[in-house]
Amino acid sequence: MRRLSAVVLLGAALSATMIHAQTPQGGVTTRSIKAVQPGLFEVAGPRVNEALAAGITKIVAVPGKGGKSIHVESPYGPIFFDWPKDVKPVAFTIETGKAGGKAAQISAPGFTEGNKGDYKAALDAVIPMAISKAADQRTRKTN
């Protein structure tokens, strides 16, 4: 079996793309391609693991949509809520459940080294709220 791994930097400050290709017997190539913004994993990684463990499959955070600014998908249905007080709204998406529930993808189109603190504060506030609301939802649906 032939394995190929490569890391390609695309505008070093903007993104890095990691490509893994495997050629199993039979000659069919399967690929897993993941884009990672430098520094984003360090900010989001620990909190994303918590969301993954809680069964949350997706969090989409968008500034300026009021009570529907944050959309969470849990095993018990969708959840919508507004930004926590005193947290600067920043756009991001977290999708879990990849690779059989063992991987996640984090996307933050406006993330830069300069606003790293805003993203950390947002993730530190939003993800625990999402987990809490998903737990409440589970309790309501299973009782």
C-alpha atoms as a PDB file:
ATOM      1  CA  MET A   1       0.000   0.000   0.000  1.00  0.00           C
ATOM      2  CA  ARG A   2       1.378   3.432  -0.942  1.00  0.00           C
ATOM      3  CA  ARG A   3       0.797   6.414   1.366  1.00  0.00           C
ATOM      4  CA  LEU A   4       1.396  10.036   0.544  1.00  0.00           C
ATOM      5  CA  SER A   5       1.333  12.935   2.968  1.00  0.00           C
ATOM      6  CA  ALA A   6       2.006  16.534   2.070  1.00  0.00           C
ATOM      7  CA  VAL A   7       1.612  19.913   3.704  1.00  0.00           C
ATOM      8  CA  VAL A   8       1.211  22.880   1.379  1.00  0.00           C
ATOM      9  CA  LEU A   9       1.301  26.453   2.693  1.00  0.00           C
ATOM     10  CA  LEU A  10      -0.992  28.863   0.878  1.00  0.00           C
ATOM     11  CA  GLY A  11      -0.105  32.411   1.851  1.00  0.00           C
ATOM     12  CA  ALA A  12       1.476  31.470   5.162  1.00  0.00           C
ATOM     13  CA  ALA A  13      -0.645  33.927   7.180  1.00  0.00           C
ATOM     14  CA  LEU A  14      -3.899  32.792   5.586  1.00  0.00           C
ATOM     15  CA  SER A  15      -4.077  29.021   5.636  1.00  0.00           C
ATOM     16  CA  ALA A  16      -2.358  25.693   5.411  1.00  0.00           C
ATOM     17  CA  THR A  17      -3.798  22.739   3.567  1.00  0.00           C
ATOM     18  CA  MET A  18      -2.995  19.205   4.596  1.00  0.00           C
ATOM     19  CA  ILE A  19      -3.578  16.457   2.041  1.00  0.00           C
ATOM     20  CA  HIS A  20      -3.491  12.762   2.899  1.00  0.00           C
ATOM     21  CA  ALA A  21      -3.849  10.317   0.050  1.00  0.00           C
ATOM     22  CA  GLN A  22      -3.928   6.558   0.341  1.00  0.00           C
ATOM     23  CA  THR A  23      -3.911   4.093  -2.509  1.00  0.00           C
ATOM     24  CA  PRO A  24      -5.334   0.811  -1.257  1.00  0.00           C
ATOM     25  CA  GLN A  25      -5.111  -2.415  -3.225  1.00  0.00           C
ATOM     26  CA  GLY A  26      -7.170  -2.087  -6.365  1.00  0.00           C
ATOM     27  CA  GLY A  27      -5.702   1.316  -7.229  1.00  0.00           C
ATOM     28  CA  VAL A  28      -8.558   3.526  -5.936  1.00  0.00           C
ATOM     29  CA  THR A  29      -7.292   6.655  -4.160  1.00  0.00           C
ATOM     30  CA  THR A  30      -9.210   8.133  -1.222  1.00  0.00           C
ATOM     31  CA  ARG A  31      -8.346  11.604   0.048  1.00  0.00           C
ATOM     32  CA  SER A  32      -8.961  13.567   3.189  1.00  0.00           C
ATOM     33  CA  ILE A  33      -8.360  17.302   2.739  1.00  0.00           C
ATOM     34  CA  LYS A  34      -8.537  19.680   5.677  1.00  0.00           C
ATOM     35  CA  ALA A  35      -7.844  23.435   5.736  1.00  0.00           C
ATOM     36  CA  VAL A  36      -6.490  24.796   9.008  1.00  0.00           C
ATOM     37  CA  GLN A  37      -5.898  28.450   9.780  1.00  0.00           C
ATOM     38  CA  PRO A  38      -2.614  28.927  11.647  1.00  0.00           C
ATOM     39  CA  GLY A  39      -3.242  29.457  15.356  1.00  0.00           C
ATOM     40  CA  LEU A  40      -6.934  28.520  15.275  1.00  0.00           C
ATOM     41  CA  PHE A  41      -6.439  25.023  16.666  1.00  0.00           C
ATOM     42  CA  GLU A  42      -4.559  26.389  19.675  1.00  0.00           C
ATOM     43  CA  VAL A  43      -7.496  28.710  20.409  1.00  0.00           C
ATOM     44  CA  ALA A  44     -10.335  26.274  19.694  1.00  0.00           C
ATOM     45  CA  GLY A  45      -8.933  22.769  20.209  1.00  0.00           C
ATOM     46  CA  PRO A  46      -9.708  22.125  23.883  1.00  0.00           C
ATOM     47  CA  ARG A  47     -13.252  23.520  23.634  1.00  0.00           C
ATOM     48  CA  VAL A  48     -13.974  21.643  20.416  1.00  0.00           C
ATOM     49  CA  ASN A  49     -13.056  18.402  22.179  1.00  0.00           C
ATOM     50  CA  GLU A  50     -15.670  19.226  24.833  1.00  0.00           C
ATOM     51  CA  ALA A  51     -18.336  19.777  22.150  1.00  0.00           C
ATOM     52  CA  LEU A  52     -17.362  16.511  20.469  1.00  0.00           C
ATOM     53  CA  ALA A  53     -17.629  14.628  23.780  1.00  0.00           C
ATOM     54  CA  ALA A  54     -21.059  16.188  24.428  1.00  0.00           C
ATOM     55  CA  GLY A  55     -22.406  14.876  21.117  1.00  0.00           C
ATOM     56  CA  ILE A  56     -22.796  18.278  19.464  1.00  0.00           C
ATOM     57  CA  THR A  57     -22.495  17.868  15.710  1.00  0.00           C
ATOM     58  CA  LYS A  58     -22.374  21.492  14.597  1.00  0.00           C
ATOM     59  CA  ILE A  59     -22.106  25.042  15.927  1.00  0.00           C
ATOM     60  CA  VAL A  60     -22.524  27.987  13.578  1.00  0.00           C
ATOM     61  CA  ALA A  61     -21.948  31.426  15.105  1.00  0.00           C
ATOM     62  CA  VAL A  62     -22.800  34.541  13.095  1.00  0.00           C
ATOM     63  CA  PRO A  63     -22.731  38.095  14.457  1.00  0.00           C
ATOM     64  CA  GLY A  64     -25.872  40.217  14.251  1.00  0.00           C
ATOM     65  CA  LYS A  65     -28.750  37.726  14.036  1.00  0.00           C
ATOM     66  CA  GLY A  66     -30.134  38.310  17.520  1.00  0.00           C
ATOM     67  CA  GLY A  67     -31.624  35.202  19.126  1.00  0.00           C
ATOM     68  CA  LYS A  68     -30.598  33.126  16.110  1.00  0.00           C
ATOM     69  CA  SER A  69     -26.951  34.235  16.032  1.00  0.00           C
ATOM     70  CA  ILE A  70     -25.760  30.859  17.297  1.00  0.00           C
ATOM     71  CA  HIS A  71     -27.167  27.646  15.852  1.00  0.00           C
ATOM     72  CA  VAL A  72     -26.274  24.353  17.509  1.00  0.00           C
ATOM     73  CA  GLU A  73     -27.125  20.892  16.227  1.00  0.00           C
ATOM     74  CA  SER A  74     -27.304  18.220  18.903  1.00  0.00           C
ATOM     75  CA  PRO A  75     -28.580  14.629  18.842  1.00  0.00           C
ATOM     76  CA  TYR A  76     -31.828  15.963  20.323  1.00  0.00           C
ATOM     77  CA  GLY A  77     -32.499  18.681  17.739  1.00  0.00           C
ATOM     78  CA  PRO A  78     -31.532  22.236  16.833  1.00  0.00           C
ATOM     79  CA  ILE A  79     -30.847  24.952  19.396  1.00  0.00           C
ATOM     80  CA  PHE A  80     -30.710  28.711  18.761  1.00  0.00           C
ATOM     81  CA  PHE A  81     -29.466  31.447  21.076  1.00  0.00           C
ATOM     82  CA  ASP A  82     -27.929  34.912  21.114  1.00  0.00           C
ATOM     83  CA  TRP A  83     -24.356  35.860  21.931  1.00  0.00           C
ATOM     84  CA  PRO A  84     -23.439  35.773  25.616  1.00  0.00           C
ATOM     85  CA  LYS A  85     -23.304  39.196  27.230  1.00  0.00           C
ATOM     86  CA  ASP A  86     -19.902  40.937  27.103  1.00  0.00           C
ATOM     87  CA  VAL A  87     -18.562  38.647  24.346  1.00  0.00           C
ATOM     88  CA  LYS A  88     -17.545  40.153  21.025  1.00  0.00           C
ATOM     89  CA  PRO A  89     -19.423  38.299  18.266  1.00  0.00           C
ATOM     90  CA  VAL A  90     -17.106  36.614  15.737  1.00  0.00           C
ATOM     91  CA  ALA A  91     -18.075  34.239  12.929  1.00  0.00           C
ATOM     92  CA  PHE A  92     -17.065  30.587  13.199  1.00  0.00           C
ATOM     93  CA  THR A  93     -18.300  27.109  12.367  1.00  0.00           C
ATOM     94  CA  ILE A  94     -17.439  23.887  14.142  1.00  0.00           C
ATOM     95  CA  GLU A  95     -18.491  20.570  12.644  1.00  0.00           C
ATOM     96  CA  THR A  96     -17.917  17.369  14.591  1.00  0.00           C
ATOM     97  CA  GLY A  97     -18.787  13.807  13.808  1.00  0.00           C
ATOM     98  CA  LYS A  98     -16.266  13.530  10.973  1.00  0.00           C
ATOM     99  CA  ALA A  99     -14.355  10.241  10.664  1.00  0.00           C
ATOM    100  CA  GLY A 100     -16.941   8.297  12.601  1.00  0.00           C
ATOM    101  CA  GLY A 101     -17.255  10.849  15.395  1.00  0.00           C
ATOM    102  CA  LYS A 102     -13.511  11.131  15.971  1.00  0.00           C
ATOM    103  CA  ALA A 103     -12.724  14.360  14.141  1.00  0.00           C
ATOM    104  CA  ALA A 104     -13.849  17.938  13.854  1.00  0.00           C
ATOM    105  CA  GLN A 105     -13.438  20.773  11.418  1.00  0.00           C
ATOM    106  CA  ILE A 106     -13.079  24.366  12.597  1.00  0.00           C
ATOM    107  CA  SER A 107     -13.580  27.320  10.289  1.00  0.00           C
ATOM    108  CA  ALA A 108     -13.268  31.000  11.202  1.00  0.00           C
ATOM    109  CA  PRO A 109     -13.096  33.164   8.089  1.00  0.00           C
ATOM    110  CA  GLY A 110     -12.149  36.359   9.958  1.00  0.00           C
ATOM    111  CA  PHE A 111      -9.554  34.785  12.268  1.00  0.00           C
ATOM    112  CA  THR A 112      -6.172  36.546  12.434  1.00  0.00           C
ATOM    113  CA  GLU A 113      -3.321  36.672  14.900  1.00  0.00           C
ATOM    114  CA  GLY A 114      -4.581  40.137  15.874  1.00  0.00           C
ATOM    115  CA  ASN A 115      -8.081  39.000  16.912  1.00  0.00           C
ATOM    116  CA  LYS A 116      -7.047  35.668  18.438  1.00  0.00           C
ATOM    117  CA  GLY A 117      -8.223  36.864  21.879  1.00  0.00           C
ATOM    118  CA  ASP A 118     -11.715  37.689  20.563  1.00  0.00           C
ATOM    119  CA  TYR A 119     -12.045  34.179  19.135  1.00  0.00           C
ATOM    120  CA  LYS A 120     -10.754  32.532  22.301  1.00  0.00           C
ATOM    121  CA  ALA A 121     -13.237  34.514  24.427  1.00  0.00           C
ATOM    122  CA  ALA A 122     -16.097  33.684  22.039  1.00  0.00           C
ATOM    123  CA  LEU A 123     -15.296  29.972  21.951  1.00  0.00           C
ATOM    124  CA  ASP A 124     -14.785  29.868  25.736  1.00  0.00           C
ATOM    125  CA  ALA A 125     -18.255  31.380  26.196  1.00  0.00           C
ATOM    126  CA  VAL A 126     -20.278  29.823  23.360  1.00  0.00           C
ATOM    127  CA  ILE A 127     -19.212  26.181  23.542  1.00  0.00           C
ATOM    128  CA  PRO A 128     -20.025  25.689  27.268  1.00  0.00           C
ATOM    129  CA  MET A 129     -23.404  27.399  26.667  1.00  0.00           C
ATOM    130  CA  ALA A 130     -24.066  25.077  23.729  1.00  0.00           C
ATOM    131  CA  ILE A 131     -23.161  22.042  25.831  1.00  0.00           C
ATOM    132  CA  SER A 132     -25.408  23.209  28.685  1.00  0.00           C
ATOM    133  CA  LYS A 133     -28.349  23.899  26.373  1.00  0.00           C
ATOM    134  CA  ALA A 134     -27.872  20.511  24.670  1.00  0.00           C
ATOM    135  CA  ALA A 135     -27.868  18.786  28.089  1.00  0.00           C
ATOM    136  CA  ASP A 136     -31.089  20.641  29.037  1.00  0.00           C
ATOM    137  CA  GLN A 137     -32.615  19.617  25.726  1.00  0.00           C
ATOM    138  CA  ARG A 138     -31.649  15.975  26.320  1.00  0.00           C
ATOM    139  CA  THR A 139     -33.206  16.081  29.795  1.00  0.00           C
ATOM    140  CA  ARG A 140     -36.468  17.525  28.444  1.00  0.00           C
ATOM    141  CA  LYS A 141     -36.681  14.978  25.630  1.00  0.00           C
ATOM    142  CA  THR A 142     -35.778  11.914  27.679  1.00  0.00           C
ATOM    143  CA  ASN A 143     -37.960  12.604  30.735  1.00  0.00           C
END
